[in-house]
Amino acid sequence: MFENFPKVRPDLPDNYYVWLGEYDKATPLLVSIPEARTELGIYVWWWQAQGYPELSERAHAIYQRLAP
């Protein structure tokens, strides 16, 4: 499934930890990216609209972890 994901930030390593549910690995990588929380908030809606509620829930879990 993830092999078709576009590489949005070529300056960063591939980070599929969010989508795999590996929150402890994802959080330290994402906390340093200023736009990460905003982007994940969009993914909460987007994955739900695409019919993937489990990925929406994972985006929401990290979204909450990145709260200021």
N, C-alpha and C. Protein backbone atom coordinates (compact mmCIF):
# COMPACT_ATOMS: atom_id res chain seq x y z
N MET A 1 0.82 -1.19 0.00
CA MET A 1 0.00 0.00 0.00
C MET A 1 0.86 1.26 0.00
N PHE A 2 1.92 1.32 0.77
CA PHE A 2 2.71 2.53 0.92
C PHE A 2 3.69 2.77 -0.22
N GLU A 3 3.93 1.79 -1.05
CA GLU A 3 4.88 1.98 -2.14
C GLU A 3 4.39 3.03 -3.15
N ASN A 4 3.09 3.32 -3.17
CA ASN A 4 2.55 4.29 -4.11
C ASN A 4 2.39 5.68 -3.51
N PHE A 5 2.77 5.85 -2.25
CA PHE A 5 2.66 7.16 -1.62
C PHE A 5 3.68 8.11 -2.23
N PRO A 6 3.26 9.34 -2.55
CA PRO A 6 4.24 10.29 -3.07
C PRO A 6 5.17 10.77 -1.96
N LYS A 7 6.38 11.10 -2.32
CA LYS A 7 7.34 11.64 -1.36
C LYS A 7 7.16 13.14 -1.36
N VAL A 8 6.44 13.65 -0.37
CA VAL A 8 6.09 15.06 -0.30
C VAL A 8 7.27 15.90 0.15
N ARG A 9 8.04 15.39 1.10
CA ARG A 9 9.19 16.13 1.63
C ARG A 9 10.46 15.36 1.30
N PRO A 10 11.07 15.61 0.13
CA PRO A 10 12.27 14.86 -0.24
C PRO A 10 13.43 15.05 0.71
N ASP A 11 13.39 16.11 1.53
CA ASP A 11 14.47 16.36 2.48
C ASP A 11 14.37 15.50 3.73
N LEU A 12 13.28 14.77 3.88
CA LEU A 12 13.07 13.93 5.06
C LEU A 12 13.01 12.46 4.68
N PRO A 13 13.40 11.58 5.60
CA PRO A 13 13.27 10.15 5.30
C PRO A 13 11.80 9.77 5.21
N ASP A 14 11.53 8.70 4.50
CA ASP A 14 10.14 8.22 4.43
C ASP A 14 9.65 7.96 5.84
N ASN A 15 8.48 8.47 6.15
CA ASN A 15 7.92 8.30 7.48
C ASN A 15 6.54 7.67 7.37
N TYR A 16 6.52 6.36 7.38
CA TYR A 16 5.24 5.66 7.34
C TYR A 16 4.81 5.21 8.73
N TYR A 17 5.56 5.63 9.74
CA TYR A 17 5.25 5.20 11.10
C TYR A 17 3.83 5.57 11.52
N VAL A 18 3.36 6.74 11.11
CA VAL A 18 1.99 7.15 11.46
C VAL A 18 1.00 6.13 10.95
N TRP A 19 1.12 5.78 9.67
CA TRP A 19 0.14 4.91 9.03
C TRP A 19 0.27 3.47 9.51
N LEU A 20 1.42 3.11 10.03
CA LEU A 20 1.61 1.77 10.60
C LEU A 20 1.18 1.70 12.06
N GLY A 21 0.85 2.87 12.64
CA GLY A 21 0.43 2.91 14.04
C GLY A 21 1.60 2.90 15.01
N GLU A 22 2.79 3.19 14.53
CA GLU A 22 3.99 3.20 15.39
C GLU A 22 4.22 4.64 15.88
N TYR A 23 3.36 5.05 16.81
CA TYR A 23 3.32 6.43 17.26
C TYR A 23 4.58 6.87 17.98
N ASP A 24 5.20 5.99 18.74
CA ASP A 24 6.42 6.36 19.46
C ASP A 24 7.58 6.64 18.52
N LYS A 25 7.57 6.05 17.34
CA LYS A 25 8.61 6.33 16.35
C LYS A 25 8.25 7.56 15.52
N ALA A 26 6.98 7.76 15.27
CA ALA A 26 6.55 8.88 14.42
C ALA A 26 6.67 10.22 15.13
N THR A 27 6.31 10.28 16.40
CA THR A 27 6.24 11.55 17.11
C THR A 27 7.56 12.32 17.10
N PRO A 28 8.71 11.73 17.44
CA PRO A 28 9.94 12.51 17.45
C PRO A 28 10.33 13.04 16.06
N LEU A 29 9.97 12.32 15.03
CA LEU A 29 10.27 12.79 13.67
C LEU A 29 9.39 13.96 13.26
N LEU A 30 8.14 13.91 13.68
CA LEU A 30 7.18 14.92 13.24
C LEU A 30 7.19 16.19 14.09
N VAL A 31 7.61 16.09 15.32
CA VAL A 31 7.55 17.24 16.22
C VAL A 31 8.42 18.40 15.72
N SER A 32 9.44 18.10 14.95
CA SER A 32 10.34 19.15 14.45
C SER A 32 9.85 19.79 13.14
N ILE A 33 8.75 19.31 12.61
CA ILE A 33 8.22 19.84 11.35
C ILE A 33 7.05 20.77 11.68
N PRO A 34 7.20 22.08 11.47
CA PRO A 34 6.17 23.03 11.89
C PRO A 34 4.78 22.75 11.33
N GLU A 35 4.70 22.30 10.09
CA GLU A 35 3.39 22.10 9.47
C GLU A 35 2.80 20.71 9.73
N ALA A 36 3.47 19.86 10.44
CA ALA A 36 3.04 18.47 10.61
C ALA A 36 1.66 18.37 11.26
N ARG A 37 1.42 19.12 12.31
CA ARG A 37 0.13 19.01 13.01
C ARG A 37 -1.01 19.45 12.09
N THR A 38 -0.81 20.53 11.36
CA THR A 38 -1.85 21.00 10.42
C THR A 38 -2.12 19.96 9.35
N GLU A 39 -1.06 19.40 8.78
CA GLU A 39 -1.21 18.38 7.74
C GLU A 39 -1.94 17.15 8.27
N LEU A 40 -1.59 16.73 9.46
CA LEU A 40 -2.25 15.55 10.03
C LEU A 40 -3.73 15.82 10.30
N GLY A 41 -4.05 17.05 10.68
CA GLY A 41 -5.45 17.41 10.85
C GLY A 41 -6.24 17.26 9.56
N ILE A 42 -5.60 17.59 8.46
CA ILE A 42 -6.25 17.40 7.14
C ILE A 42 -6.38 15.92 6.83
N TYR A 43 -5.34 15.15 7.15
CA TYR A 43 -5.40 13.71 6.89
C TYR A 43 -6.49 13.02 7.70
N VAL A 44 -6.82 13.52 8.86
CA VAL A 44 -7.93 12.94 9.64
C VAL A 44 -9.18 12.93 8.78
N TRP A 45 -9.49 14.07 8.18
CA TRP A 45 -10.66 14.17 7.31
C TRP A 45 -10.46 13.37 6.02
N TRP A 46 -9.30 13.55 5.38
CA TRP A 46 -9.07 12.97 4.06
C TRP A 46 -9.16 11.44 4.07
N TRP A 47 -8.51 10.79 5.03
CA TRP A 47 -8.57 9.33 5.09
C TRP A 47 -10.00 8.86 5.34
N GLN A 48 -10.73 9.58 6.17
CA GLN A 48 -12.14 9.21 6.43
C GLN A 48 -12.93 9.31 5.12
N ALA A 49 -12.73 10.39 4.36
CA ALA A 49 -13.44 10.60 3.09
C ALA A 49 -13.07 9.54 2.06
N GLN A 50 -11.87 9.00 2.15
CA GLN A 50 -11.42 7.97 1.22
C GLN A 50 -11.89 6.58 1.61
N GLY A 51 -12.52 6.47 2.77
CA GLY A 51 -13.03 5.18 3.23
C GLY A 51 -12.03 4.37 4.04
N TYR A 52 -11.05 5.07 4.65
CA TYR A 52 -10.05 4.40 5.48
C TYR A 52 -10.11 4.93 6.91
N PRO A 53 -11.14 4.57 7.66
CA PRO A 53 -11.29 5.11 9.01
C PRO A 53 -10.12 4.75 9.93
N GLU A 54 -9.48 3.61 9.71
CA GLU A 54 -8.35 3.23 10.57
C GLU A 54 -7.17 4.17 10.38
N LEU A 55 -6.93 4.63 9.15
CA LEU A 55 -5.85 5.58 8.91
C LEU A 55 -6.23 6.97 9.43
N SER A 56 -7.49 7.31 9.36
CA SER A 56 -7.97 8.57 9.93
C SER A 56 -7.73 8.58 11.44
N GLU A 57 -8.01 7.47 12.09
CA GLU A 57 -7.79 7.37 13.54
C GLU A 57 -6.31 7.47 13.88
N ARG A 58 -5.45 6.91 13.05
CA ARG A 58 -4.01 7.00 13.29
C ARG A 58 -3.52 8.44 13.12
N ALA A 59 -4.01 9.12 12.10
CA ALA A 59 -3.64 10.53 11.92
C ALA A 59 -4.10 11.35 13.12
N HIS A 60 -5.28 11.05 13.62
CA HIS A 60 -5.81 11.79 14.77
C HIS A 60 -4.97 11.52 16.03
N ALA A 61 -4.51 10.30 16.19
CA ALA A 61 -3.69 9.97 17.37
C ALA A 61 -2.41 10.79 17.38
N ILE A 62 -1.74 10.91 16.23
CA ILE A 62 -0.51 11.72 16.17
C ILE A 62 -0.84 13.20 16.25
N TYR A 63 -1.93 13.61 15.64
CA TYR A 63 -2.37 15.00 15.72
C TYR A 63 -2.48 15.44 17.18
N GLN A 64 -3.07 14.59 17.99
CA GLN A 64 -3.20 14.91 19.41
C GLN A 64 -1.86 14.91 20.12
N ARG A 65 -0.97 14.03 19.76
CA ARG A 65 0.37 13.99 20.39
C ARG A 65 1.18 15.24 20.07
N LEU A 66 0.91 15.85 18.93
CA LEU A 66 1.65 17.05 18.53
C LEU A 66 1.02 18.34 19.03
N ALA A 67 0.01 18.22 19.86
CA ALA A 67 -0.66 19.41 20.38
C ALA A 67 0.32 20.25 21.19
N PRO A 68 0.22 21.57 21.03
CA PRO A 68 1.12 22.45 21.78
C PRO A 68 0.88 22.40 23.28
